[in-house]
Amino acid sequence: MTNKEITEDKIAFDETPESLPEEAVLSEIEAEENDISSDTDINYDETADAVDDEQDEPAEEYEEDIEEQRRKRKKRRKKRGHSHIIFGVILSVVIISVSILAAVFILKCAKEMFGIGKSDMVSDIDIPMGSSTYDIADQLFHEGIIADPDLFRLFSKIKGADGKYVAGTHRLSPQMDYSTIIETLQEEVESQRETADVVFPEGITIFEAAQKLEEKGVCDADEFIKVFNSEKFGFDFEEKVKTSYMKFYKMEGYLFPDTYQFYLEEDPRVVAKKIYKNFEAKITPDLYGRMDDLEMDLEEVLTLASMVQAEASDTRNMKRVASVFYNRLNDPDNFPLLQSDPTTNYVEDIIMPNIEVRSEKMFEAYDTYRGAGLPPGPICNPGMDAINAVLYPAETDYYYFCSNLETGEFYYAETLEEHEQNLIEAGLAE
């Protein structure tokens, strides 16, 4: 820089204060101070607001935390309240349920011990010599006198009756209370009642069996038929009996052929129950299993067995006759009719004379020369040989059979021509 330039700058500097009035200078200074003050105030306010915002945020978060904690405590209290209510309800249900079960149990025991609502049928119970209370309770249970052997044993113990029972025949009824039963079993046995042996041969009908019972002095024939076809004794096989308006005797086929001993002038229900009990024992689980294998029910087996029983008298021919019926049943298009003479005889000899209201539909259904397939029910009461013949038939191709009525010889055929020739040989045709 030159001396001249330096001199000019100095002059300009020196002249500036003097060239401006004093008031103008002061005004400018105040204005600058105001500007600085204004800027400072703005910055301060903004800073304060920022600080306030920073201070407000933790306070709001704290209040939110407190509120959240209150809500949680309230929720927990509410949940505890619900839990108490639920627990109270469950406890009440449990108490009520236990009370009901206890009441039902007590009522059941009371009805059992006092014989309330039970049958009044009287039965003769034979107590073997040396029977214990345990044995007697089981026997009474199986005879249908009591329903709870354990309860009877307990009651007998409480009564002090153990070891005091008298062997022999005692007349008891399910309607008796436990005290009466125990007292009766401790009484001396009365003189034996007179009995009668009744033989029911294979193939007998219910009508014929009833006539035998009346002839022997056991019970009235009509009363027996009525009871045998209408009463229920609680045996398992009873649930398998089919009912139909087309059946004549509901229980035909269920009177198992055997030799029975009955008291004279006996209650028909006692007689019927004894026969039912024998049938229940004879039809074993093995026999039911075989029926399942053949996809046949008890009613079908007995119906077919009754026809076999009426047609043949020996095991070998029973199996062959059964095979003929099976072959026809399995080929209904060519052989719709079984054509068994005994079914026609059953209609003419048993149904027609004893039916109250004549029914042509029933007659046709039972007569296998007119009705297709098996009859509505058995036509007699088959024995074990006939039942086994149906369950285990011979394997043949026969569709016809006949027999010589004098010699009992059987003839079998696969065709109608052969059968017609057999009829001549059996003396049944010319």
Protein backbone atom coordinates (compact mmCIF):
# COMPACT_ATOMS: atom_id res chain seq x y z
CA MET A 1 0.00 0.00 0.00
CA THR A 2 1.29 3.53 -0.83
CA ASN A 3 1.56 6.39 1.54
CA LYS A 4 -1.15 8.13 -0.36
CA GLU A 5 -3.59 5.29 0.20
CA ILE A 6 -2.82 5.15 3.89
CA THR A 7 -3.37 8.85 4.22
CA GLU A 8 -6.73 8.65 2.47
CA ASP A 9 -7.96 5.87 4.74
CA LYS A 10 -7.01 7.78 7.79
CA ILE A 11 -8.77 10.84 6.56
CA ALA A 12 -11.92 8.81 5.86
CA PHE A 13 -11.81 7.28 9.37
CA ASP A 14 -11.35 10.54 11.04
CA GLU A 15 -14.10 12.17 9.12
CA THR A 16 -16.82 9.54 9.74
CA PRO A 17 -17.73 10.48 13.35
CA GLU A 18 -17.66 14.07 12.62
CA SER A 19 -19.66 13.80 9.48
CA LEU A 20 -22.62 12.03 11.32
CA PRO A 21 -24.82 13.88 13.79
CA GLU A 22 -24.70 12.67 17.38
CA GLU A 23 -28.40 11.80 17.52
CA ALA A 24 -28.18 9.68 14.44
CA VAL A 25 -25.31 7.79 15.92
CA LEU A 26 -27.20 7.16 19.15
CA SER A 27 -30.27 6.04 17.25
CA GLU A 28 -28.27 3.53 15.33
CA ILE A 29 -26.70 2.21 18.52
CA GLU A 30 -30.12 1.82 20.20
CA ALA A 31 -31.51 0.13 17.13
CA GLU A 32 -28.66 -2.34 17.13
CA GLU A 33 -29.17 -3.00 20.83
CA ASN A 34 -32.90 -3.57 20.28
CA ASP A 35 -32.17 -5.98 17.47
CA ILE A 36 -29.74 -7.87 19.63
CA SER A 37 -32.22 -7.88 22.52
CA SER A 38 -35.03 -9.08 20.24
CA ASP A 39 -32.91 -11.87 18.81
CA THR A 40 -31.82 -12.85 22.27
CA ASP A 41 -35.44 -12.95 23.51
CA ILE A 42 -36.50 -15.17 20.60
CA ASN A 43 -33.69 -17.56 21.19
CA TYR A 44 -34.38 -17.65 24.88
CA ASP A 45 -38.08 -18.37 24.37
CA GLU A 46 -37.32 -21.15 21.95
CA THR A 47 -34.79 -22.65 24.34
CA ALA A 48 -37.23 -22.41 27.23
CA ASP A 49 -39.94 -24.08 25.21
CA ALA A 50 -37.56 -26.83 24.27
CA VAL A 51 -36.55 -27.29 27.89
CA ASP A 52 -40.22 -27.32 28.95
CA ASP A 53 -41.00 -29.94 26.29
CA GLU A 54 -38.12 -32.05 27.52
CA GLN A 55 -39.38 -31.74 31.11
CA ASP A 56 -43.05 -32.50 30.14
CA GLU A 57 -42.22 -35.75 28.30
CA PRO A 58 -41.00 -37.68 31.41
CA ALA A 59 -44.00 -36.43 33.40
CA GLU A 60 -46.45 -37.68 30.79
CA GLU A 61 -44.69 -41.03 30.57
CA TYR A 62 -44.78 -41.35 34.36
CA GLU A 63 -48.49 -40.59 34.44
CA GLU A 64 -49.06 -43.15 31.70
CA ASP A 65 -47.08 -45.74 33.70
CA ILE A 66 -49.16 -45.05 36.79
CA GLU A 67 -52.36 -45.32 34.78
CA GLU A 68 -51.17 -48.58 33.24
CA GLN A 69 -50.32 -49.96 36.66
CA ARG A 70 -53.77 -48.96 37.90
CA ARG A 71 -55.39 -50.72 34.97
CA LYS A 72 -53.32 -53.84 35.62
CA ARG A 73 -54.21 -53.83 39.31
CA LYS A 74 -57.85 -53.37 38.46
CA LYS A 75 -57.66 -56.19 35.93
CA ARG A 76 -56.00 -58.48 38.48
CA ARG A 77 -58.64 -57.65 41.06
CA LYS A 78 -61.35 -58.33 38.50
CA LYS A 79 -59.72 -61.62 37.50
CA ARG A 80 -59.42 -62.65 41.13
CA GLY A 81 -63.06 -61.81 41.57
CA HIS A 82 -64.04 -63.95 38.57
CA SER A 83 -61.85 -66.79 39.86
CA HIS A 84 -63.61 -66.68 43.21
CA ILE A 85 -66.99 -66.74 41.48
CA ILE A 86 -66.00 -69.65 39.20
CA PHE A 87 -64.55 -71.56 42.13
CA GLY A 88 -67.71 -70.96 44.10
CA VAL A 89 -69.88 -72.17 41.22
CA ILE A 90 -67.74 -75.30 40.72
CA LEU A 91 -67.78 -76.05 44.43
CA SER A 92 -71.55 -75.65 44.51
CA VAL A 93 -71.97 -77.96 41.49
CA VAL A 94 -69.71 -80.57 43.09
CA ILE A 95 -71.59 -80.42 46.39
CA ILE A 96 -74.97 -80.66 44.66
CA SER A 97 -73.77 -83.53 42.42
CA VAL A 98 -72.38 -85.48 45.36
CA SER A 99 -75.60 -84.90 47.27
CA ILE A 100 -77.71 -86.11 44.34
CA LEU A 101 -75.54 -89.19 43.85
CA ALA A 102 -75.67 -89.96 47.54
CA ALA A 103 -79.44 -89.55 47.58
CA VAL A 104 -79.82 -91.79 44.50
CA PHE A 105 -77.56 -94.42 46.06
CA ILE A 106 -79.45 -94.37 49.35
CA LEU A 107 -82.79 -94.52 47.53
CA LYS A 108 -81.57 -97.41 45.37
CA CYS A 109 -80.36 -99.34 48.43
CA ALA A 110 -83.61 -98.65 50.24
CA LYS A 111 -85.73 -99.86 47.31
CA GLU A 112 -83.58 -102.97 47.06
CA MET A 113 -83.69 -103.78 50.76
CA PHE A 114 -87.44 -103.23 51.04
CA GLY A 115 -88.39 -104.88 47.73
CA ILE A 116 -90.06 -101.74 46.41
CA GLY A 117 -91.22 -101.94 42.80
CA LYS A 118 -90.21 -105.57 42.38
CA SER A 119 -92.08 -108.58 41.04
CA ASP A 120 -94.40 -110.47 43.35
CA MET A 121 -93.71 -113.78 41.62
CA VAL A 122 -93.00 -116.54 44.12
CA SER A 123 -90.13 -118.95 43.41
CA ASP A 124 -88.98 -122.12 45.13
CA ILE A 125 -85.30 -121.71 45.99
CA ASP A 126 -83.37 -124.88 46.86
CA ILE A 127 -80.56 -124.06 49.29
CA PRO A 128 -77.92 -126.84 49.21
CA MET A 129 -76.51 -128.24 52.43
CA GLY A 130 -73.43 -126.38 53.65
CA SER A 131 -74.11 -123.18 51.68
CA SER A 132 -72.41 -120.07 53.04
CA THR A 133 -73.92 -116.60 53.09
CA TYR A 134 -71.75 -115.80 50.07
CA ASP A 135 -73.15 -118.81 48.16
CA ILE A 136 -76.74 -118.04 49.15
CA ALA A 137 -76.43 -114.38 48.08
CA ASP A 138 -75.13 -115.45 44.66
CA GLN A 139 -77.92 -117.99 44.28
CA LEU A 140 -80.60 -115.46 45.21
CA PHE A 141 -79.09 -113.02 42.70
CA HIS A 142 -79.11 -115.53 39.84
CA GLU A 143 -82.65 -116.62 40.74
CA GLY A 144 -83.79 -112.99 40.47
CA ILE A 145 -84.76 -112.65 44.13
CA ILE A 146 -82.22 -109.91 44.94
CA ALA A 147 -80.29 -107.48 42.75
CA ASP A 148 -77.28 -106.74 44.98
CA PRO A 149 -75.47 -109.74 46.53
CA ASP A 150 -72.94 -107.55 48.37
CA LEU A 151 -75.68 -105.52 50.03
CA PHE A 152 -77.43 -108.73 51.08
CA ARG A 153 -74.21 -110.12 52.60
CA LEU A 154 -73.67 -106.89 54.53
CA PHE A 155 -77.25 -106.87 55.80
CA SER A 156 -76.98 -110.54 56.78
CA LYS A 157 -73.83 -109.79 58.77
CA ILE A 158 -75.47 -106.84 60.53
CA LYS A 159 -78.49 -109.01 61.39
CA GLY A 160 -76.18 -111.73 62.74
CA ALA A 161 -77.74 -114.30 60.42
CA ASP A 162 -74.52 -115.77 59.00
CA GLY A 163 -74.33 -119.50 59.65
CA LYS A 164 -77.99 -119.74 60.66
CA TYR A 165 -79.56 -120.50 57.27
CA VAL A 166 -81.43 -123.78 56.81
CA ALA A 167 -80.86 -125.98 53.76
CA GLY A 168 -83.88 -127.05 51.74
CA THR A 169 -86.57 -125.51 49.54
CA HIS A 170 -87.82 -122.05 50.53
CA ARG A 171 -90.52 -120.02 48.79
CA LEU A 172 -89.27 -116.49 48.15
CA SER A 173 -90.33 -113.48 46.15
CA PRO A 174 -88.35 -110.43 44.91
CA GLN A 175 -91.01 -108.27 46.56
CA MET A 176 -89.92 -109.47 50.03
CA ASP A 177 -87.70 -107.15 52.04
CA TYR A 178 -84.28 -108.40 53.13
CA SER A 179 -85.42 -109.04 56.70
CA THR A 180 -88.26 -111.28 55.54
CA ILE A 181 -85.96 -113.16 53.14
CA ILE A 182 -83.42 -113.78 55.89
CA GLU A 183 -86.10 -114.89 58.34
CA THR A 184 -87.65 -117.23 55.74
CA LEU A 185 -84.27 -118.80 54.99
CA GLN A 186 -83.83 -119.51 58.71
CA GLU A 187 -87.17 -121.28 59.08
CA GLU A 188 -87.47 -125.04 59.09
CA VAL A 189 -88.35 -126.39 55.67
CA GLU A 190 -91.95 -127.45 55.28
CA SER A 191 -92.82 -130.88 53.95
CA GLN A 192 -91.87 -131.17 50.30
CA ARG A 193 -94.58 -130.27 47.82
CA GLU A 194 -95.62 -132.85 45.31
CA THR A 195 -93.83 -132.58 41.97
CA ALA A 196 -94.33 -133.82 38.43
CA ASP A 197 -91.81 -134.59 35.69
CA VAL A 198 -92.82 -133.18 32.33
CA VAL A 199 -91.05 -134.25 29.13
CA PHE A 200 -91.05 -131.83 26.20
CA PRO A 201 -89.74 -133.76 23.15
CA GLU A 202 -87.95 -132.14 20.21
CA GLY A 203 -90.40 -130.56 17.81
CA ILE A 204 -93.14 -129.93 20.37
CA THR A 205 -95.21 -126.74 19.95
CA ILE A 206 -96.11 -124.30 22.72
CA PHE A 207 -99.75 -125.35 22.39
CA GLU A 208 -98.84 -129.02 22.90
CA ALA A 209 -96.51 -128.19 25.80
CA ALA A 210 -99.27 -126.24 27.54
CA GLN A 211 -101.61 -129.25 27.21
CA LYS A 212 -98.96 -131.47 28.84
CA LEU A 213 -98.57 -129.08 31.78
CA GLU A 214 -102.30 -129.01 32.38
CA GLU A 215 -102.58 -132.80 32.12
CA LYS A 216 -99.82 -133.19 34.72
CA GLY A 217 -101.57 -130.78 37.10
CA VAL A 218 -98.80 -128.17 36.95
CA CYS A 219 -100.78 -125.16 35.71
CA ASP A 220 -103.60 -124.09 33.43
CA ALA A 221 -102.78 -124.44 29.71
CA ASP A 222 -104.27 -121.14 28.57
CA GLU A 223 -102.62 -119.24 31.42
CA PHE A 224 -99.26 -120.78 30.58
CA ILE A 225 -99.54 -119.85 26.88
CA LYS A 226 -100.43 -116.28 27.83
CA VAL A 227 -97.60 -115.91 30.34
CA PHE A 228 -94.99 -117.67 28.20
CA ASN A 229 -95.62 -115.29 25.28
CA SER A 230 -95.96 -112.06 27.25
CA GLU A 231 -93.80 -112.07 30.40
CA LYS A 232 -90.21 -110.79 30.60
CA PHE A 233 -87.73 -112.30 33.04
CA GLY A 234 -84.58 -110.33 32.21
CA PHE A 235 -82.65 -113.03 30.31
CA ASP A 236 -80.25 -111.89 27.58
CA PHE A 237 -81.88 -113.89 24.80
CA GLU A 238 -85.18 -112.06 25.31
CA GLU A 239 -83.67 -109.01 23.62
CA LYS A 240 -83.10 -111.07 20.47
CA VAL A 241 -86.71 -112.22 20.11
CA LYS A 242 -88.43 -110.56 17.16
CA THR A 243 -91.95 -109.25 17.43
CA SER A 244 -94.27 -109.03 14.44
CA TYR A 245 -98.00 -108.86 13.84
CA MET A 246 -97.45 -111.77 11.45
CA LYS A 247 -96.14 -114.08 14.18
CA PHE A 248 -98.65 -116.37 15.85
CA TYR A 249 -96.88 -117.33 19.09
CA LYS A 250 -94.17 -114.82 19.92
CA MET A 251 -92.06 -117.34 21.88
CA GLU A 252 -92.53 -120.40 19.68
CA GLY A 253 -89.09 -121.94 19.27
CA TYR A 254 -87.80 -120.76 22.66
CA LEU A 255 -89.27 -123.61 24.75
CA PHE A 256 -86.19 -125.78 24.84
CA PRO A 257 -87.06 -129.50 24.63
CA ASP A 258 -86.01 -131.24 27.84
CA THR A 259 -87.28 -133.03 30.94
CA TYR A 260 -88.47 -130.58 33.58
CA GLN A 261 -89.62 -131.04 37.16
CA PHE A 262 -92.36 -128.71 38.37
CA TYR A 263 -94.43 -128.44 41.53
CA LEU A 264 -98.09 -129.20 41.14
CA GLU A 265 -100.46 -126.23 41.05
CA GLU A 266 -97.55 -123.94 40.30
CA ASP A 267 -97.66 -120.30 39.27
CA PRO A 268 -97.42 -120.25 35.42
CA ARG A 269 -94.79 -117.51 35.71
CA VAL A 270 -92.56 -119.81 37.76
CA VAL A 271 -92.97 -122.52 35.13
CA ALA A 272 -92.23 -120.12 32.26
CA LYS A 273 -89.20 -118.68 34.02
CA LYS A 274 -87.72 -122.12 34.57
CA ILE A 275 -88.04 -122.92 30.86
CA TYR A 276 -86.57 -119.52 29.91
CA LYS A 277 -83.62 -120.15 32.22
CA ASN A 278 -82.92 -123.50 30.56
CA PHE A 279 -82.99 -121.94 27.08
CA GLU A 280 -80.59 -119.20 28.20
CA ALA A 281 -78.14 -121.86 29.42
CA LYS A 282 -78.38 -124.00 26.27
CA ILE A 283 -77.68 -121.27 23.69
CA THR A 284 -74.02 -120.63 24.48
CA PRO A 285 -71.70 -117.82 23.32
CA ASP A 286 -70.10 -120.29 20.86
CA LEU A 287 -73.45 -120.78 19.16
CA TYR A 288 -74.00 -117.02 18.94
CA GLY A 289 -70.52 -116.68 17.46
CA ARG A 290 -71.37 -119.20 14.75
CA MET A 291 -74.57 -117.29 13.98
CA ASP A 292 -72.48 -114.16 13.47
CA ASP A 293 -70.21 -116.06 11.08
CA LEU A 294 -73.25 -117.08 9.02
CA GLU A 295 -74.69 -113.54 9.30
CA MET A 296 -77.88 -114.95 10.81
CA ASP A 297 -79.74 -113.90 13.92
CA LEU A 298 -81.21 -116.14 16.62
CA GLU A 299 -84.75 -115.92 15.24
CA GLU A 300 -83.68 -117.00 11.74
CA VAL A 301 -81.67 -119.93 13.11
CA LEU A 302 -84.54 -121.15 15.28
CA THR A 303 -87.07 -120.78 12.46
CA LEU A 304 -84.97 -122.79 10.03
CA ALA A 305 -84.07 -125.30 12.77
CA SER A 306 -87.75 -125.80 13.56
CA MET A 307 -88.38 -126.75 9.93
CA VAL A 308 -85.39 -129.11 9.92
CA GLN A 309 -86.60 -130.63 13.21
CA ALA A 310 -90.06 -131.24 11.77
CA GLU A 311 -88.66 -132.80 8.57
CA ALA A 312 -85.90 -135.11 9.86
CA SER A 313 -85.23 -137.15 12.98
CA ASP A 314 -81.52 -137.99 12.76
CA THR A 315 -78.42 -135.82 12.63
CA ARG A 316 -77.18 -136.92 9.20
CA ASN A 317 -80.44 -136.16 7.42
CA MET A 318 -80.94 -132.96 9.43
CA LYS A 319 -77.70 -131.56 7.97
CA ARG A 320 -78.70 -132.57 4.43
CA VAL A 321 -82.21 -131.15 4.77
CA ALA A 322 -80.68 -127.92 6.09
CA SER A 323 -78.44 -127.79 3.01
CA VAL A 324 -81.48 -128.09 0.72
CA PHE A 325 -83.18 -125.14 2.44
CA TYR A 326 -79.98 -123.09 2.29
CA ASN A 327 -79.53 -123.82 -1.43
CA ARG A 328 -83.07 -122.65 -2.11
CA LEU A 329 -82.73 -119.56 0.04
CA ASN A 330 -79.53 -118.65 -1.83
CA ASP A 331 -81.25 -119.02 -5.23
CA PRO A 332 -84.61 -117.25 -4.80
CA ASP A 333 -85.04 -116.53 -8.51
CA ASN A 334 -85.25 -120.22 -9.36
CA PHE A 335 -86.53 -121.46 -6.00
CA PRO A 336 -88.65 -118.75 -4.35
CA LEU A 337 -90.56 -121.28 -2.22
CA LEU A 338 -89.06 -123.62 0.39
CA GLN A 339 -92.05 -126.02 0.08
CA SER A 340 -91.86 -127.65 3.50
CA ASP A 341 -94.92 -129.73 4.41
CA PRO A 342 -94.65 -129.13 8.20
CA THR A 343 -95.23 -125.39 7.67
CA THR A 344 -98.57 -126.16 6.03
CA ASN A 345 -99.42 -128.50 8.89
CA TYR A 346 -98.59 -125.79 11.45
CA VAL A 347 -101.06 -123.42 9.81
CA GLU A 348 -103.81 -126.03 9.69
CA ASP A 349 -103.25 -127.73 13.05
CA ILE A 350 -102.04 -124.91 15.34
CA ILE A 351 -102.80 -121.46 13.95
CA MET A 352 -106.24 -121.87 12.41
CA PRO A 353 -107.89 -123.62 15.39
CA ASN A 354 -106.46 -121.19 17.94
CA ILE A 355 -106.35 -117.80 16.24
CA GLU A 356 -108.96 -115.30 17.45
CA VAL A 357 -109.20 -113.29 14.23
CA ARG A 358 -108.64 -115.14 10.97
CA SER A 359 -105.70 -113.80 8.94
CA GLU A 360 -105.07 -115.06 5.42
CA LYS A 361 -101.85 -113.05 5.29
CA MET A 362 -100.53 -114.92 8.32
CA PHE A 363 -101.60 -118.26 6.89
CA GLU A 364 -99.80 -117.52 3.63
CA ALA A 365 -96.69 -116.22 5.37
CA TYR A 366 -96.32 -119.42 7.44
CA ASP A 367 -97.16 -121.82 4.61
CA THR A 368 -93.92 -122.14 2.57
CA TYR A 369 -95.87 -123.50 -0.40
CA ARG A 370 -97.48 -120.05 -0.70
CA GLY A 371 -95.15 -117.61 1.06
CA ALA A 372 -91.58 -116.93 -0.08
CA GLY A 373 -88.58 -117.38 2.19
CA LEU A 374 -88.69 -118.31 5.86
CA PRO A 375 -91.95 -118.20 7.87
CA PRO A 376 -92.44 -115.24 10.27
CA GLY A 377 -91.25 -117.44 13.15
CA PRO A 378 -90.48 -121.02 14.23
CA ILE A 379 -93.15 -123.67 13.68
CA CYS A 380 -92.07 -125.78 16.67
CA ASN A 381 -89.36 -125.96 19.33
CA PRO A 382 -86.18 -127.49 17.90
CA GLY A 383 -83.62 -129.47 19.85
CA MET A 384 -79.86 -129.00 19.83
CA ASP A 385 -79.27 -131.45 16.94
CA ALA A 386 -81.53 -129.44 14.64
CA ILE A 387 -79.94 -126.15 15.74
CA ASN A 388 -76.44 -127.52 15.08
CA ALA A 389 -77.57 -128.86 11.70
CA VAL A 390 -78.54 -125.31 10.71
CA LEU A 391 -75.31 -123.86 12.07
CA TYR A 392 -73.15 -126.57 10.46
CA PRO A 393 -75.09 -127.89 7.42
CA ALA A 394 -73.81 -130.41 4.90
CA GLU A 395 -72.42 -129.04 1.65
CA THR A 396 -74.56 -130.37 -1.19
CA ASP A 397 -76.06 -129.37 -4.53
CA TYR A 398 -79.48 -130.71 -3.61
CA TYR A 399 -82.61 -128.63 -4.14
CA TYR A 400 -85.18 -131.36 -3.42
CA PHE A 401 -85.76 -134.06 -0.84
CA CYS A 402 -88.48 -136.44 0.26
CA SER A 403 -88.78 -139.42 2.59
CA ASN A 404 -90.59 -142.70 2.86
CA LEU A 405 -93.12 -142.23 5.65
CA GLU A 406 -92.99 -145.91 6.63
CA THR A 407 -89.24 -146.59 6.53
CA GLY A 408 -88.00 -143.07 7.19
CA GLU A 409 -85.53 -143.29 4.30
CA PHE A 410 -84.61 -139.97 2.66
CA TYR A 411 -84.13 -139.26 -1.05
CA TYR A 412 -82.30 -136.18 -2.39
CA ALA A 413 -82.19 -134.65 -5.87
CA GLU A 414 -80.56 -131.82 -7.77
CA THR A 415 -83.22 -131.58 -10.50
CA LEU A 416 -86.99 -131.76 -10.65
CA GLU A 417 -86.82 -134.86 -12.86
CA GLU A 418 -84.74 -136.70 -10.27
CA HIS A 419 -87.09 -135.56 -7.52
CA GLU A 420 -90.15 -136.87 -9.33
CA GLN A 421 -88.48 -140.25 -9.67
CA ASN A 422 -87.61 -140.17 -5.94
CA LEU A 423 -91.25 -139.51 -5.07
CA ILE A 424 -92.21 -142.71 -6.82
CA GLU A 425 -89.50 -144.68 -5.03
CA ALA A 426 -90.53 -143.20 -1.65
CA GLY A 427 -94.13 -144.29 -2.26
CA LEU A 428 -95.37 -140.72 -2.41
CA ALA A 429 -96.38 -140.76 -6.08
CA GLU A 430 -97.26 -143.24 -8.79
